[in-house]
Amino acid sequence: MGNTTNDVGSNVTAVTVVELAGLNTLGISMARIDFAPWGINPSHTHPRATEILTVIEGSVITIANAVFGSNPGIAGDILAKAFQVDIKVVQQIQSKF
């Protein structure tokens, strides 16, 4: 397990062709993410790429990207109503994506 004693409680270990020769020239990258209890995977993007997660033990919740960073986007007034917040709060969160 990777060292998860940091501010976010997670550790990302990239897998390269050195560890997995089959990745060579396929345009695929892989990573292992270890989480401490209540650890998080900070919000991030993958331009021109897709992220697929497989959970071996525990659970992973990826709501922020799906809700606030979706394309096409979800209307701000609908999100404000769903989360019972002012639309300005929704717009502020959406701007981070």
C-alpha atoms as a PDB file:
ATOM      1  CA  MET A   1       0.000   0.000   0.000  1.00  0.00           C
ATOM      2  CA  GLY A   2       1.196   3.508  -0.793  1.00  0.00           C
ATOM      3  CA  ASN A   3       1.869   6.115   1.879  1.00  0.00           C
ATOM      4  CA  THR A   4      -1.470   7.814   2.582  1.00  0.00           C
ATOM      5  CA  THR A   5      -0.304  10.016   5.467  1.00  0.00           C
ATOM      6  CA  ASN A   6      -0.874  13.324   3.661  1.00  0.00           C
ATOM      7  CA  ASP A   7      -3.530  16.052   3.539  1.00  0.00           C
ATOM      8  CA  VAL A   8      -5.883  14.118   1.251  1.00  0.00           C
ATOM      9  CA  GLY A   9      -5.347  10.623   2.641  1.00  0.00           C
ATOM     10  CA  SER A  10      -4.510   9.011  -0.682  1.00  0.00           C
ATOM     11  CA  ASN A  11      -1.519   7.975  -2.745  1.00  0.00           C
ATOM     12  CA  VAL A  12      -1.332   7.572  -6.517  1.00  0.00           C
ATOM     13  CA  THR A  13       1.210   5.163  -7.986  1.00  0.00           C
ATOM     14  CA  ALA A  14       1.534   5.397 -11.767  1.00  0.00           C
ATOM     15  CA  VAL A  15       1.949   2.190 -13.741  1.00  0.00           C
ATOM     16  CA  THR A  16       4.263   2.547 -16.738  1.00  0.00           C
ATOM     17  CA  VAL A  17       5.622   0.242 -19.434  1.00  0.00           C
ATOM     18  CA  VAL A  18       8.459  -0.610 -17.048  1.00  0.00           C
ATOM     19  CA  GLU A  19       5.979  -2.354 -14.732  1.00  0.00           C
ATOM     20  CA  LEU A  20       3.510  -3.509 -17.407  1.00  0.00           C
ATOM     21  CA  ALA A  21       5.078  -3.911 -20.830  1.00  0.00           C
ATOM     22  CA  GLY A  22       1.652  -4.412 -22.453  1.00  0.00           C
ATOM     23  CA  LEU A  23       0.924  -0.687 -22.097  1.00  0.00           C
ATOM     24  CA  ASN A  24       3.561   0.165 -24.709  1.00  0.00           C
ATOM     25  CA  THR A  25       2.139   2.056 -27.726  1.00  0.00           C
ATOM     26  CA  LEU A  26      -1.500   1.474 -26.720  1.00  0.00           C
ATOM     27  CA  GLY A  27      -2.149   5.021 -25.579  1.00  0.00           C
ATOM     28  CA  ILE A  28      -3.286   3.671 -22.208  1.00  0.00           C
ATOM     29  CA  SER A  29      -2.055   4.702 -18.805  1.00  0.00           C
ATOM     30  CA  MET A  30      -2.855   3.107 -15.482  1.00  0.00           C
ATOM     31  CA  ALA A  31      -2.501   4.017 -11.838  1.00  0.00           C
ATOM     32  CA  ARG A  32      -3.129   2.469  -8.460  1.00  0.00           C
ATOM     33  CA  ILE A  33      -4.744   4.693  -5.845  1.00  0.00           C
ATOM     34  CA  ASP A  34      -4.537   3.771  -2.183  1.00  0.00           C
ATOM     35  CA  PHE A  35      -6.883   5.486   0.247  1.00  0.00           C
ATOM     36  CA  ALA A  36      -6.711   5.850   3.999  1.00  0.00           C
ATOM     37  CA  PRO A  37     -10.100   5.661   5.724  1.00  0.00           C
ATOM     38  CA  TRP A  38     -12.023   8.778   4.623  1.00  0.00           C
ATOM     39  CA  GLY A  39      -9.248   9.645   2.142  1.00  0.00           C
ATOM     40  CA  ILE A  40     -10.201  11.438  -1.058  1.00  0.00           C
ATOM     41  CA  ASN A  41      -9.119  11.659  -4.667  1.00  0.00           C
ATOM     42  CA  PRO A  42      -8.940  15.444  -5.195  1.00  0.00           C
ATOM     43  CA  SER A  43     -10.906  16.930  -8.072  1.00  0.00           C
ATOM     44  CA  HIS A  44      -8.951  16.794 -11.302  1.00  0.00           C
ATOM     45  CA  THR A  45      -9.464  16.478 -15.047  1.00  0.00           C
ATOM     46  CA  HIS A  46      -8.241  14.222 -17.814  1.00  0.00           C
ATOM     47  CA  PRO A  47      -8.367  16.202 -21.070  1.00  0.00           C
ATOM     48  CA  ARG A  48      -9.078  13.896 -24.021  1.00  0.00           C
ATOM     49  CA  ALA A  49      -9.198  10.870 -21.721  1.00  0.00           C
ATOM     50  CA  THR A  50     -11.533   8.745 -19.645  1.00  0.00           C
ATOM     51  CA  GLU A  51     -11.056   7.499 -16.113  1.00  0.00           C
ATOM     52  CA  ILE A  52     -12.262   4.059 -15.080  1.00  0.00           C
ATOM     53  CA  LEU A  53     -12.137   3.009 -11.444  1.00  0.00           C
ATOM     54  CA  THR A  54     -12.197  -0.503 -10.031  1.00  0.00           C
ATOM     55  CA  VAL A  55     -12.721  -0.725  -6.295  1.00  0.00           C
ATOM     56  CA  ILE A  56     -11.128  -3.772  -4.673  1.00  0.00           C
ATOM     57  CA  GLU A  57     -12.216  -3.018  -1.113  1.00  0.00           C
ATOM     58  CA  GLY A  58     -14.468  -0.256   0.225  1.00  0.00           C
ATOM     59  CA  SER A  59     -16.353   2.208  -1.961  1.00  0.00           C
ATOM     60  CA  VAL A  60     -15.471   5.220  -4.257  1.00  0.00           C
ATOM     61  CA  ILE A  61     -17.902   8.118  -4.819  1.00  0.00           C
ATOM     62  CA  THR A  62     -17.232  10.367  -7.856  1.00  0.00           C
ATOM     63  CA  ILE A  63     -20.159  12.749  -7.641  1.00  0.00           C
ATOM     64  CA  ALA A  64     -18.446  16.116  -8.099  1.00  0.00           C
ATOM     65  CA  ASN A  65     -17.191  15.449 -11.632  1.00  0.00           C
ATOM     66  CA  ALA A  66     -20.436  13.836 -12.748  1.00  0.00           C
ATOM     67  CA  VAL A  67     -22.646  16.581 -11.332  1.00  0.00           C
ATOM     68  CA  PHE A  68     -20.696  19.827 -11.559  1.00  0.00           C
ATOM     69  CA  GLY A  69     -18.319  19.002 -14.412  1.00  0.00           C
ATOM     70  CA  SER A  70     -20.615  17.133 -16.780  1.00  0.00           C
ATOM     71  CA  ASN A  71     -20.643  17.842 -20.506  1.00  0.00           C
ATOM     72  CA  PRO A  72     -23.216  18.891 -21.509  1.00  0.00           C
ATOM     73  CA  GLY A  73     -23.616  20.678 -18.206  1.00  0.00           C
ATOM     74  CA  ILE A  74     -26.565  20.393 -15.851  1.00  0.00           C
ATOM     75  CA  ALA A  75     -28.492  23.655 -15.559  1.00  0.00           C
ATOM     76  CA  GLY A  76     -27.387  25.685 -12.553  1.00  0.00           C
ATOM     77  CA  ASP A  77     -30.937  26.406 -11.385  1.00  0.00           C
ATOM     78  CA  ILE A  78     -31.688  22.690 -11.250  1.00  0.00           C
ATOM     79  CA  LEU A  79     -28.534  21.982  -9.230  1.00  0.00           C
ATOM     80  CA  ALA A  80     -29.311  24.882  -6.893  1.00  0.00           C
ATOM     81  CA  LYS A  81     -32.762  23.460  -6.264  1.00  0.00           C
ATOM     82  CA  ALA A  82     -31.459  19.903  -5.816  1.00  0.00           C
ATOM     83  CA  PHE A  83     -28.786  20.933  -3.304  1.00  0.00           C
ATOM     84  CA  GLN A  84     -30.932  23.682  -1.742  1.00  0.00           C
ATOM     85  CA  VAL A  85     -28.275  26.361  -2.222  1.00  0.00           C
ATOM     86  CA  ASP A  86     -28.134  29.713  -3.989  1.00  0.00           C
ATOM     87  CA  ILE A  87     -27.360  29.479  -7.708  1.00  0.00           C
ATOM     88  CA  LYS A  88     -24.217  31.574  -7.089  1.00  0.00           C
ATOM     89  CA  VAL A  89     -22.829  28.704  -4.999  1.00  0.00           C
ATOM     90  CA  VAL A  90     -23.471  26.283  -7.869  1.00  0.00           C
ATOM     91  CA  GLN A  91     -21.843  28.635 -10.374  1.00  0.00           C
ATOM     92  CA  GLN A  92     -18.805  28.981  -8.149  1.00  0.00           C
ATOM     93  CA  ILE A  93     -18.405  25.196  -7.915  1.00  0.00           C
ATOM     94  CA  GLN A  94     -19.001  24.704 -11.648  1.00  0.00           C
ATOM     95  CA  SER A  95     -16.300  27.265 -12.443  1.00  0.00           C
ATOM     96  CA  LYS A  96     -13.717  24.968 -10.883  1.00  0.00           C
ATOM     97  CA  PHE A  97     -14.425  22.347 -13.541  1.00  0.00           C
END
